[in-house]
Structure formats: C-alpha cells, structure tokens
Amino acid sequence: MGVGGGMYQKLGLVQPWPDQKDQGRFEVTKAEADKMMFKVPSLRNITQTAPYFHDGSARTLPEAIKLMAKHQVGKELSDTEVASIATFLGALSGEAPAELVAAPELPPSTAKTPKPDPT
C-alpha cells in the first residue's frame, strides 16, 4: 500500500472544498458523516498521476499541494515550501517489483468452476 492510501478522509477538513457536486462516500452510503469523504490515494509515484483529486481539479502537483494545505490544514504555503514538499513526494517514486504487478496465474477451469451469473 505504501505512504497514504487505505483509508477515507474528509476533503475540506479545515476550509470547505470549493466544488461539492461530488459528495464522496455519501453518494453510496447516504450517511451524513460520509459527506465529502474520499479514499486517500497512495503517494507512491504521485508525481506521475496528474491530474489530482477525485475531480481532476488540480493539473499540477504544486497546485495540489497548495490546495491540500489550504483546505486540509488551513495553511498558505510559500513557493519554497511547496517545492520542498514536491521534492519529498518525488522521492516516493520508483519501480514496483515485477512480482507485485504480475498477472496472477489462475488454475485451469473445470466442470466445477462456477459460471458467471447471466442476470
């Protein structure tokens, strides 16, 4: 899983997210507590996954960093601070081991193999 990922977090924790057309998990659960809750992505190779956020609203990593600082922790970052964070995030890039991303080898089908549900 790596850094980040594996949980849901409210987007706009300190300052409301500007576009709330997509209400996150609330759309599925209808639970009030799930409004603006989104799955946290892994930060591995984050420099290679633009655009950012559930709605693709940030085209660049520096833009995403500034938005996260503002809406999640209530901070306005300097360009130097943004560059430092971007450098750190770049250090999380790398090749995934081949065995991690290899297609699984499935057993051969037999007469006992369940068939897809046609409905």
Protein backbone atom coordinates (compact mmCIF):
# COMPACT_ATOMS: atom_id res chain seq x y z
CA MET A 1 0.00 0.00 0.00
CA GLY A 2 2.77 2.46 0.84
CA VAL A 3 2.51 6.01 2.12
CA GLY A 4 -1.10 7.24 2.10
CA GLY A 5 -3.93 5.06 0.87
CA GLY A 6 -6.11 2.58 2.67
CA MET A 7 -8.49 4.97 4.44
CA TYR A 8 -11.15 7.58 3.81
CA GLN A 9 -10.63 11.20 4.82
CA LYS A 10 -12.82 14.29 4.68
CA LEU A 11 -11.81 16.66 1.87
CA GLY A 12 -12.08 20.22 3.11
CA LEU A 13 -11.33 19.38 6.72
CA VAL A 14 -10.48 22.97 7.76
CA GLN A 15 -11.83 25.01 4.85
CA PRO A 16 -14.69 23.70 2.67
CA TRP A 17 -13.72 22.28 -0.72
CA PRO A 18 -14.88 24.73 -3.42
CA ASP A 19 -16.75 22.25 -5.65
CA GLN A 20 -19.03 19.95 -3.70
CA LYS A 21 -21.06 18.47 -6.55
CA ASP A 22 -19.44 15.10 -5.77
CA GLN A 23 -20.16 14.34 -2.11
CA GLY A 24 -17.82 11.35 -1.96
CA ARG A 25 -18.86 8.25 0.04
CA PHE A 26 -22.14 9.94 0.92
CA GLU A 27 -23.31 9.17 -2.63
CA VAL A 28 -23.09 5.46 -1.75
CA THR A 29 -23.88 5.29 1.98
CA LYS A 30 -26.26 8.26 2.37
CA ALA A 31 -24.74 8.66 5.85
CA GLU A 32 -24.35 12.33 6.77
CA ALA A 33 -20.90 11.60 8.28
CA ASP A 34 -19.69 10.43 4.83
CA LYS A 35 -20.23 13.79 3.08
CA MET A 36 -17.00 14.82 1.33
CA MET A 37 -15.22 11.64 2.46
CA PHE A 38 -12.88 10.30 -0.22
CA LYS A 39 -10.40 7.42 -0.36
CA VAL A 40 -6.88 8.59 0.32
CA PRO A 41 -4.66 7.55 -2.60
CA SER A 42 -1.21 6.08 -2.22
CA LEU A 43 1.54 8.67 -2.50
CA ARG A 44 3.84 6.21 -4.29
CA ASN A 45 4.62 7.61 -7.75
CA ILE A 46 2.30 10.56 -7.04
CA THR A 47 4.41 12.76 -9.33
CA GLN A 48 3.25 10.60 -12.25
CA THR A 49 -0.50 10.57 -11.60
CA ALA A 50 -1.78 14.03 -12.57
CA PRO A 51 -4.41 15.37 -12.62
CA TYR A 52 -5.07 15.24 -8.90
CA PHE A 53 -8.10 14.81 -6.63
CA HIS A 54 -11.34 12.95 -7.22
CA ASP A 55 -12.43 15.53 -9.77
CA GLY A 56 -9.09 16.12 -11.52
CA SER A 57 -9.26 19.78 -10.50
CA ALA A 58 -5.52 20.18 -9.86
CA ARG A 59 -3.46 19.83 -13.03
CA THR A 60 -0.06 20.02 -11.33
CA LEU A 61 1.46 18.65 -8.14
CA PRO A 62 2.33 22.13 -6.78
CA GLU A 63 -1.29 23.18 -7.28
CA ALA A 64 -2.48 20.05 -5.45
CA ILE A 65 -0.05 20.70 -2.59
CA LYS A 66 -1.31 24.28 -2.18
CA LEU A 67 -4.94 23.15 -2.22
CA MET A 68 -4.31 20.40 0.34
CA ALA A 69 -2.50 22.82 2.66
CA LYS A 70 -5.31 25.37 2.41
CA HIS A 71 -8.29 23.05 2.73
CA GLN A 72 -6.90 20.33 4.98
CA VAL A 73 -4.71 22.25 7.45
CA GLY A 74 -5.62 25.91 6.90
CA LYS A 75 -2.15 27.00 5.73
CA GLU A 76 -0.98 29.14 2.83
CA LEU A 77 2.39 27.76 1.71
CA SER A 78 5.21 29.72 0.13
CA ASP A 79 6.58 28.61 -3.23
CA THR A 80 9.70 27.36 -1.39
CA GLU A 81 7.60 25.23 0.98
CA VAL A 82 5.60 23.83 -1.94
CA ALA A 83 8.82 22.98 -3.80
CA SER A 84 10.21 21.21 -0.71
CA ILE A 85 7.07 19.10 -0.33
CA ALA A 86 7.08 18.30 -4.06
CA THR A 87 10.72 17.20 -3.78
CA PHE A 88 9.83 14.90 -0.89
CA LEU A 89 6.89 13.44 -2.82
CA GLY A 90 9.19 12.88 -5.80
CA ALA A 91 11.38 10.74 -3.55
CA LEU A 92 8.43 8.33 -3.22
CA SER A 93 8.72 7.36 -6.88
CA GLY A 94 10.15 4.09 -8.06
CA GLU A 95 9.57 0.93 -9.98
CA ALA A 96 7.24 -1.61 -8.43
CA PRO A 97 8.74 -5.10 -8.18
CA ALA A 98 7.66 -7.22 -11.16
CA GLU A 99 6.12 -9.90 -8.94
CA LEU A 100 3.90 -7.26 -7.32
CA VAL A 101 2.32 -6.19 -10.62
CA ALA A 102 2.39 -9.52 -12.46
CA ALA A 103 -0.93 -11.02 -13.52
CA PRO A 104 -1.91 -13.85 -11.20
CA GLU A 105 -1.70 -17.38 -12.54
CA LEU A 106 -5.15 -18.86 -12.19
CA PRO A 107 -5.90 -22.58 -12.01
CA PRO A 108 -7.44 -24.11 -15.14
CA SER A 109 -11.24 -24.13 -15.35
CA THR A 110 -13.04 -27.41 -14.75
CA ALA A 111 -16.64 -28.58 -14.78
CA LYS A 112 -16.86 -27.44 -11.13
CA THR A 113 -15.74 -23.88 -11.89
CA PRO A 114 -18.64 -21.50 -11.15
CA LYS A 115 -20.06 -19.80 -14.24
CA PRO A 116 -20.85 -16.07 -14.40
CA ASP A 117 -24.32 -15.02 -13.27
CA PRO A 118 -26.18 -14.16 -16.53
CA THR A 119 -28.58 -11.72 -14.78
